[in-house]
Every structure is written in C-alpha cells, then in structure tokens.
Amino acid sequence: PNAKAKHLKQMAAALVERFEGEVPGDSEKLESLPGV
C-alpha cells in the first residue's frame, strides 16, 4: 500500500502537469507516468 500510494499520487500529479488531468490514449505517454 505505501509504494502504491506513492505511485498513485505521482501518477496523478504527472497527469495534471503534462496532460491537463486527462488520461492519454497513447502507449508511450501512458508508460511515461510513474508506476505505469
């Protein structure tokens, strides 16, 4: 849970910063997110 909580928060922050909070429909962009 601790590691996953860290990854979730980092992933969400990256989505907001790079993709305006929206999940991209692109493999390369998705895999650039922390924990993905």
All heavy atoms as atom14 arrays in JSON, in Angstrom:
{
  "sequence": "PNAKAKHLKQMAAALVERFEGEVPGDSEKLESLPGV",
  "atom14_mask": [
    [1, 1, 1, 1, 1, 1, 1, 0, 0, 0, 0, 0, 0, 0],
    [1, 1, 1, 1, 1, 1, 1, 1, 0, 0, 0, 0, 0, 0],
    [1, 1, 1, 1, 1, 0, 0, 0, 0, 0, 0, 0, 0, 0],
    [1, 1, 1, 1, 1, 1, 1, 1, 1, 0, 0, 0, 0, 0],
    [1, 1, 1, 1, 1, 0, 0, 0, 0, 0, 0, 0, 0, 0],
    [1, 1, 1, 1, 1, 1, 1, 1, 1, 0, 0, 0, 0, 0],
    [1, 1, 1, 1, 1, 1, 1, 1, 1, 1, 0, 0, 0, 0],
    [1, 1, 1, 1, 1, 1, 1, 1, 0, 0, 0, 0, 0, 0],
    [1, 1, 1, 1, 1, 1, 1, 1, 1, 0, 0, 0, 0, 0],
    [1, 1, 1, 1, 1, 1, 1, 1, 1, 0, 0, 0, 0, 0],
    [1, 1, 1, 1, 1, 1, 1, 1, 0, 0, 0, 0, 0, 0],
    [1, 1, 1, 1, 1, 0, 0, 0, 0, 0, 0, 0, 0, 0],
    [1, 1, 1, 1, 1, 0, 0, 0, 0, 0, 0, 0, 0, 0],
    [1, 1, 1, 1, 1, 0, 0, 0, 0, 0, 0, 0, 0, 0],
    [1, 1, 1, 1, 1, 1, 1, 1, 0, 0, 0, 0, 0, 0],
    [1, 1, 1, 1, 1, 1, 1, 0, 0, 0, 0, 0, 0, 0],
    [1, 1, 1, 1, 1, 1, 1, 1, 1, 0, 0, 0, 0, 0],
    [1, 1, 1, 1, 1, 1, 1, 1, 1, 1, 1, 0, 0, 0],
    [1, 1, 1, 1, 1, 1, 1, 1, 1, 1, 1, 0, 0, 0],
    [1, 1, 1, 1, 1, 1, 1, 1, 1, 0, 0, 0, 0, 0],
    [1, 1, 1, 1, 0, 0, 0, 0, 0, 0, 0, 0, 0, 0],
    [1, 1, 1, 1, 1, 1, 1, 1, 1, 0, 0, 0, 0, 0],
    [1, 1, 1, 1, 1, 1, 1, 0, 0, 0, 0, 0, 0, 0],
    [1, 1, 1, 1, 1, 1, 1, 0, 0, 0, 0, 0, 0, 0],
    [1, 1, 1, 1, 0, 0, 0, 0, 0, 0, 0, 0, 0, 0],
    [1, 1, 1, 1, 1, 1, 1, 1, 0, 0, 0, 0, 0, 0],
    [1, 1, 1, 1, 1, 1, 0, 0, 0, 0, 0, 0, 0, 0],
    [1, 1, 1, 1, 1, 1, 1, 1, 1, 0, 0, 0, 0, 0],
    [1, 1, 1, 1, 1, 1, 1, 1, 1, 0, 0, 0, 0, 0],
    [1, 1, 1, 1, 1, 1, 1, 1, 0, 0, 0, 0, 0, 0],
    [1, 1, 1, 1, 1, 1, 1, 1, 1, 0, 0, 0, 0, 0],
    [1, 1, 1, 1, 1, 1, 0, 0, 0, 0, 0, 0, 0, 0],
    [1, 1, 1, 1, 1, 1, 1, 1, 0, 0, 0, 0, 0, 0],
    [1, 1, 1, 1, 1, 1, 1, 0, 0, 0, 0, 0, 0, 0],
    [1, 1, 1, 1, 0, 0, 0, 0, 0, 0, 0, 0, 0, 0],
    [1, 1, 1, 1, 1, 1, 1, 0, 0, 0, 0, 0, 0, 0]
  ],
  "atom14_positions": [
    [[0.8, -1.24, 0.0], [0.0, 0.0, 0.0], [0.83, 1.28, 0.0], [0.45, 2.26, -0.66], [-0.84, -0.12, 1.27], [-0.06, -1.06, 2.14], [0.57, -2.04, 1.21], [0.0, 0.0, 0.0], [0.0, 0.0, 0.0], [0.0, 0.0, 0.0], [0.0, 0.0, 0.0], [0.0, 0.0, 0.0], [0.0, 0.0, 0.0], [0.0, 0.0, 0.0]],
    [[1.93, 1.31, 0.71], [2.72, 2.54, 0.78], [3.36, 2.87, -0.56], [3.32, 4.02, -1.01], [3.81, 2.41, 1.86], [3.24, 2.36, 3.25], [2.19, 2.95, 3.53], [3.91, 1.66, 4.15], [0.0, 0.0, 0.0], [0.0, 0.0, 0.0], [0.0, 0.0, 0.0], [0.0, 0.0, 0.0], [0.0, 0.0, 0.0], [0.0, 0.0, 0.0]],
    [[3.92, 1.85, -1.21], [4.53, 2.07, -2.52], [3.48, 2.46, -3.55], [3.69, 3.37, -4.38], [5.28, 0.82, -2.97], [0.0, 0.0, 0.0], [0.0, 0.0, 0.0], [0.0, 0.0, 0.0], [0.0, 0.0, 0.0], [0.0, 0.0, 0.0], [0.0, 0.0, 0.0], [0.0, 0.0, 0.0], [0.0, 0.0, 0.0], [0.0, 0.0, 0.0]],
    [[2.33, 1.79, -3.5], [1.27, 2.09, -4.47], [0.68, 3.47, -4.24], [0.35, 4.18, -5.2], [0.19, 1.01, -4.42], [0.64, -0.32, -5.03], [-0.45, -1.37, -5.0], [0.02, -2.66, -5.67], [-1.01, -3.72, -5.66], [0.0, 0.0, 0.0], [0.0, 0.0, 0.0], [0.0, 0.0, 0.0], [0.0, 0.0, 0.0], [0.0, 0.0, 0.0]],
    [[0.54, 3.88, -2.98], [0.03, 5.22, -2.69], [0.98, 6.27, -3.26], [0.54, 7.28, -3.84], [-0.14, 5.41, -1.18], [0.0, 0.0, 0.0], [0.0, 0.0, 0.0], [0.0, 0.0, 0.0], [0.0, 0.0, 0.0], [0.0, 0.0, 0.0], [0.0, 0.0, 0.0], [0.0, 0.0, 0.0], [0.0, 0.0, 0.0], [0.0, 0.0, 0.0]],
    [[2.27, 6.04, -3.1], [3.27, 6.97, -3.65], [3.17, 7.06, -5.16], [3.16, 8.15, -5.73], [4.67, 6.5, -3.24], [5.8, 7.38, -3.76], [7.15, 6.84, -3.32], [8.29, 7.7, -3.87], [9.62, 7.15, -3.45], [0.0, 0.0, 0.0], [0.0, 0.0, 0.0], [0.0, 0.0, 0.0], [0.0, 0.0, 0.0], [0.0, 0.0, 0.0]],
    [[3.05, 5.9, -5.82], [2.95, 5.89, -7.28], [1.66, 6.55, -7.76], [1.66, 7.27, -8.76], [3.02, 4.45, -7.8], [4.39, 3.88, -7.8], [4.65, 2.54, -7.64], [5.61, 4.47, -7.92], [5.95, 2.32, -7.69], [6.55, 3.47, -7.85], [0.0, 0.0, 0.0], [0.0, 0.0, 0.0], [0.0, 0.0, 0.0], [0.0, 0.0, 0.0]],
    [[0.56, 6.3, -7.05], [-0.72, 6.9, -7.45], [-0.65, 8.42, -7.39], [-1.11, 9.11, -8.3], [-1.85, 6.39, -6.56], [-2.29, 4.95, -6.75], [-3.41, 4.59, -5.77], [-2.75, 4.7, -8.18], [0.0, 0.0, 0.0], [0.0, 0.0, 0.0], [0.0, 0.0, 0.0], [0.0, 0.0, 0.0], [0.0, 0.0, 0.0], [0.0, 0.0, 0.0]],
    [[-0.09, 8.94, -6.31], [0.0, 10.39, -6.17], [0.93, 10.99, -7.23], [0.62, 12.01, -7.83], [0.49, 10.75, -4.77], [0.43, 12.24, -4.47], [0.64, 12.54, -3.0], [0.54, 14.04, -2.75], [0.69, 14.36, -1.31], [0.0, 0.0, 0.0], [0.0, 0.0, 0.0], [0.0, 0.0, 0.0], [0.0, 0.0, 0.0], [0.0, 0.0, 0.0]],
    [[2.05, 10.34, -7.48], [2.98, 10.8, -8.5], [2.35, 10.72, -9.89], [2.52, 11.63, -10.72], [4.27, 9.99, -8.45], [5.12, 10.23, -7.23], [6.32, 9.3, -7.16], [6.35, 8.25, -7.8], [7.33, 9.7, -6.4], [0.0, 0.0, 0.0], [0.0, 0.0, 0.0], [0.0, 0.0, 0.0], [0.0, 0.0, 0.0], [0.0, 0.0, 0.0]],
    [[1.64, 9.64, -10.15], [0.97, 9.48, -11.45], [-0.06, 10.56, -11.66], [-0.13, 11.19, -12.73], [0.32, 8.09, -11.52], [-0.49, 7.82, -12.78], [-2.21, 8.43, -12.69], [-2.9, 7.36, -11.44], [0.0, 0.0, 0.0], [0.0, 0.0, 0.0], [0.0, 0.0, 0.0], [0.0, 0.0, 0.0], [0.0, 0.0, 0.0], [0.0, 0.0, 0.0]],
    [[-0.88, 10.83, -10.64], [-1.92, 11.85, -10.74], [-1.31, 13.23, -10.97], [-1.81, 14.02, -11.79], [-2.78, 11.84, -9.49], [0.0, 0.0, 0.0], [0.0, 0.0, 0.0], [0.0, 0.0, 0.0], [0.0, 0.0, 0.0], [0.0, 0.0, 0.0], [0.0, 0.0, 0.0], [0.0, 0.0, 0.0], [0.0, 0.0, 0.0], [0.0, 0.0, 0.0]],
    [[-0.23, 13.52, -10.25], [0.45, 14.81, -10.41], [1.0, 14.98, -11.82], [0.91, 16.06, -12.43], [1.56, 14.96, -9.38], [0.0, 0.0, 0.0], [0.0, 0.0, 0.0], [0.0, 0.0, 0.0], [0.0, 0.0, 0.0], [0.0, 0.0, 0.0], [0.0, 0.0, 0.0], [0.0, 0.0, 0.0], [0.0, 0.0, 0.0], [0.0, 0.0, 0.0]],
    [[1.54, 13.88, -12.37], [2.08, 13.92, -13.74], [0.97, 14.12, -14.75], [1.14, 14.84, -15.75], [2.85, 12.64, -14.03], [0.0, 0.0, 0.0], [0.0, 0.0, 0.0], [0.0, 0.0, 0.0], [0.0, 0.0, 0.0], [0.0, 0.0, 0.0], [0.0, 0.0, 0.0], [0.0, 0.0, 0.0], [0.0, 0.0, 0.0], [0.0, 0.0, 0.0]],
    [[-0.18, 13.5, -14.52], [-1.32, 13.69, -15.42], [-1.75, 15.15, -15.44], [-2.04, 15.72, -16.51], [-2.5, 12.83, -14.97], [-2.56, 11.37, -15.42], [-3.82, 10.7, -14.88], [-2.52, 11.27, -16.94], [0.0, 0.0, 0.0], [0.0, 0.0, 0.0], [0.0, 0.0, 0.0], [0.0, 0.0, 0.0], [0.0, 0.0, 0.0], [0.0, 0.0, 0.0]],
    [[-1.81, 15.75, -14.28], [-2.22, 17.16, -14.19], [-1.19, 18.06, -14.87], [-1.54, 18.96, -15.64], [-2.4, 17.58, -12.71], [-2.65, 19.08, -12.61], [-3.56, 16.81, -12.08], [0.0, 0.0, 0.0], [0.0, 0.0, 0.0], [0.0, 0.0, 0.0], [0.0, 0.0, 0.0], [0.0, 0.0, 0.0], [0.0, 0.0, 0.0], [0.0, 0.0, 0.0]],
    [[0.08, 17.8, -14.59], [1.15, 18.65, -15.11], [1.33, 18.53, -16.61], [1.52, 19.52, -17.31], [2.47, 18.3, -14.4], [3.65, 19.14, -14.86], [4.94, 18.75, -14.16], [4.87, 18.01, -13.16], [6.02, 19.2, -14.6], [0.0, 0.0, 0.0], [0.0, 0.0, 0.0], [0.0, 0.0, 0.0], [0.0, 0.0, 0.0], [0.0, 0.0, 0.0]],
    [[1.25, 17.28, -17.13], [1.58, 17.07, -18.53], [0.38, 16.93, -19.46], [0.46, 17.23, -20.64], [2.42, 15.79, -18.65], [3.79, 15.89, -18.04], [4.58, 14.64, -18.37], [5.07, 13.98, -17.16], [5.42, 12.7, -17.11], [5.29, 11.95, -18.18], [5.85, 12.18, -15.99], [0.0, 0.0, 0.0], [0.0, 0.0, 0.0], [0.0, 0.0, 0.0]],
    [[-0.75, 16.47, -18.9], [-1.89, 16.15, -19.76], [-3.21, 16.77, -19.29], [-4.29, 16.27, -19.61], [-2.05, 14.63, -19.87], [-0.8, 13.92, -20.31], [-0.13, 13.07, -19.44], [-0.28, 14.12, -21.58], [1.03, 12.42, -19.82], [0.88, 13.47, -21.99], [1.54, 12.62, -21.11], [0.0, 0.0, 0.0], [0.0, 0.0, 0.0], [0.0, 0.0, 0.0]],
    [[-3.12, 17.84, -18.52], [-4.3, 18.56, -18.03], [-5.26, 17.66, -17.27], [-6.47, 17.85, -17.31], [-5.01, 19.27, -19.19], [-4.13, 20.3, -19.91], [-4.87, 21.04, -21.01], [-5.97, 20.58, -21.39], [-4.35, 22.06, -21.48], [0.0, 0.0, 0.0], [0.0, 0.0, 0.0], [0.0, 0.0, 0.0], [0.0, 0.0, 0.0], [0.0, 0.0, 0.0]],
    [[-4.71, 16.65, -16.63], [-5.52, 15.77, -15.8], [-6.23, 14.67, -16.55], [-6.95, 13.87, -15.94], [0.0, 0.0, 0.0], [0.0, 0.0, 0.0], [0.0, 0.0, 0.0], [0.0, 0.0, 0.0], [0.0, 0.0, 0.0], [0.0, 0.0, 0.0], [0.0, 0.0, 0.0], [0.0, 0.0, 0.0], [0.0, 0.0, 0.0], [0.0, 0.0, 0.0]],
    [[-6.03, 14.59, -17.86], [-6.72, 13.59, -18.68], [-5.78, 12.42, -19.01], [-4.6, 12.62, -19.31], [-7.22, 14.22, -19.99], [-8.25, 15.32, -19.79], [-9.52, 14.83, -19.12], [-9.96, 13.7, -19.45], [-10.06, 15.55, -18.28], [0.0, 0.0, 0.0], [0.0, 0.0, 0.0], [0.0, 0.0, 0.0], [0.0, 0.0, 0.0], [0.0, 0.0, 0.0]],
    [[-6.32, 11.21, -18.97], [-5.53, 10.02, -19.3], [-5.31, 9.97, -20.81], [-6.28, 9.96, -21.57], [-6.23, 8.73, -18.83], [-5.47, 7.5, -19.28], [-6.39, 8.75, -17.31], [0.0, 0.0, 0.0], [0.0, 0.0, 0.0], [0.0, 0.0, 0.0], [0.0, 0.0, 0.0], [0.0, 0.0, 0.0], [0.0, 0.0, 0.0], [0.0, 0.0, 0.0]],
    [[-4.07, 9.93, -21.27], [-3.81, 9.9, -22.72], [-4.07, 8.53, -23.31], [-3.84, 7.5, -22.67], [-2.32, 10.26, -22.8], [-1.75, 9.76, -21.51], [-2.83, 9.97, -20.48], [0.0, 0.0, 0.0], [0.0, 0.0, 0.0], [0.0, 0.0, 0.0], [0.0, 0.0, 0.0], [0.0, 0.0, 0.0], [0.0, 0.0, 0.0], [0.0, 0.0, 0.0]],
    [[-4.55, 8.49, -24.53], [-4.79, 7.23, -25.22], [-3.61, 6.84, -26.07], [-3.76, 6.4, -27.23], [0.0, 0.0, 0.0], [0.0, 0.0, 0.0], [0.0, 0.0, 0.0], [0.0, 0.0, 0.0], [0.0, 0.0, 0.0], [0.0, 0.0, 0.0], [0.0, 0.0, 0.0], [0.0, 0.0, 0.0], [0.0, 0.0, 0.0], [0.0, 0.0, 0.0]],
    [[-2.42, 6.96, -25.52], [-1.18, 6.71, -26.24], [-0.24, 5.9, -25.34], [-0.01, 6.28, -24.18], [-0.53, 8.04, -26.64], [0.82, 7.86, -27.3], [0.86, 7.67, -28.52], [1.84, 7.9, -26.58], [0.0, 0.0, 0.0], [0.0, 0.0, 0.0], [0.0, 0.0, 0.0], [0.0, 0.0, 0.0], [0.0, 0.0, 0.0], [0.0, 0.0, 0.0]],
    [[0.29, 4.82, -25.86], [1.11, 3.92, -25.06], [2.35, 4.59, -24.5], [2.66, 4.47, -23.31], [1.52, 2.7, -25.89], [2.28, 1.8, -25.12], [0.0, 0.0, 0.0], [0.0, 0.0, 0.0], [0.0, 0.0, 0.0], [0.0, 0.0, 0.0], [0.0, 0.0, 0.0], [0.0, 0.0, 0.0], [0.0, 0.0, 0.0], [0.0, 0.0, 0.0]],
    [[3.07, 5.31, -25.33], [4.3, 5.95, -24.88], [4.02, 6.97, -23.77], [4.75, 7.04, -22.77], [5.0, 6.63, -26.06], [6.35, 7.24, -25.69], [7.09, 7.81, -26.89], [6.66, 7.57, -28.04], [8.11, 8.5, -26.68], [0.0, 0.0, 0.0], [0.0, 0.0, 0.0], [0.0, 0.0, 0.0], [0.0, 0.0, 0.0], [0.0, 0.0, 0.0]],
    [[2.97, 7.74, -23.93], [2.63, 8.74, -22.91], [2.17, 8.08, -21.62], [2.54, 8.51, -20.52], [1.54, 9.67, -23.45], [2.01, 10.59, -24.57], [0.87, 11.44, -25.1], [1.35, 12.35, -26.22], [0.23, 13.16, -26.8], [0.0, 0.0, 0.0], [0.0, 0.0, 0.0], [0.0, 0.0, 0.0], [0.0, 0.0, 0.0], [0.0, 0.0, 0.0]],
    [[1.38, 7.02, -21.74], [0.93, 6.31, -20.54], [2.1, 5.71, -19.78], [2.19, 5.82, -18.55], [-0.06, 5.2, -20.92], [-1.53, 5.59, -21.07], [-2.33, 4.43, -21.66], [-2.12, 6.01, -19.73], [0.0, 0.0, 0.0], [0.0, 0.0, 0.0], [0.0, 0.0, 0.0], [0.0, 0.0, 0.0], [0.0, 0.0, 0.0], [0.0, 0.0, 0.0]],
    [[3.01, 5.08, -20.5], [4.14, 4.43, -19.85], [5.16, 5.42, -19.3], [6.06, 5.04, -18.55], [4.81, 3.46, -20.82], [3.96, 2.23, -21.13], [4.65, 1.25, -22.05], [5.75, 0.78, -21.69], [4.1, 0.95, -23.14], [0.0, 0.0, 0.0], [0.0, 0.0, 0.0], [0.0, 0.0, 0.0], [0.0, 0.0, 0.0], [0.0, 0.0, 0.0]],
    [[5.01, 6.69, -19.66], [5.89, 7.72, -19.09], [5.43, 8.14, -17.7], [6.17, 8.82, -16.99], [5.92, 8.95, -20.01], [4.71, 9.71, -19.91], [0.0, 0.0, 0.0], [0.0, 0.0, 0.0], [0.0, 0.0, 0.0], [0.0, 0.0, 0.0], [0.0, 0.0, 0.0], [0.0, 0.0, 0.0], [0.0, 0.0, 0.0], [0.0, 0.0, 0.0]],
    [[4.23, 7.71, -17.3], [3.69, 8.08, -16.0], [4.3, 7.21, -14.9], [4.51, 6.02, -15.11], [2.17, 7.93, -15.99], [1.38, 8.81, -16.96], [-0.08, 8.37, -17.0], [1.49, 10.28, -16.55], [0.0, 0.0, 0.0], [0.0, 0.0, 0.0], [0.0, 0.0, 0.0], [0.0, 0.0, 0.0], [0.0, 0.0, 0.0], [0.0, 0.0, 0.0]],
    [[4.57, 7.77, -13.73], [5.12, 6.98, -12.62], [4.23, 5.79, -12.26], [3.02, 5.93, -12.14], [5.17, 7.99, -11.46], [5.26, 9.32, -12.12], [4.43, 9.2, -13.37], [0.0, 0.0, 0.0], [0.0, 0.0, 0.0], [0.0, 0.0, 0.0], [0.0, 0.0, 0.0], [0.0, 0.0, 0.0], [0.0, 0.0, 0.0], [0.0, 0.0, 0.0]],
    [[4.84, 4.63, -12.14], [4.1, 3.44, -11.73], [3.31, 2.75, -12.81], [2.61, 1.78, -12.54], [0.0, 0.0, 0.0], [0.0, 0.0, 0.0], [0.0, 0.0, 0.0], [0.0, 0.0, 0.0], [0.0, 0.0, 0.0], [0.0, 0.0, 0.0], [0.0, 0.0, 0.0], [0.0, 0.0, 0.0], [0.0, 0.0, 0.0], [0.0, 0.0, 0.0]],
    [[3.39, 3.25, -14.05], [2.62, 2.67, -15.16], [3.54, 1.91, -16.1], [4.38, 2.5, -16.79], [1.85, 3.75, -15.94], [1.08, 3.12, -17.11], [0.9, 4.5, -15.02], [0.0, 0.0, 0.0], [0.0, 0.0, 0.0], [0.0, 0.0, 0.0], [0.0, 0.0, 0.0], [0.0, 0.0, 0.0], [0.0, 0.0, 0.0], [0.0, 0.0, 0.0]]
  ]
}
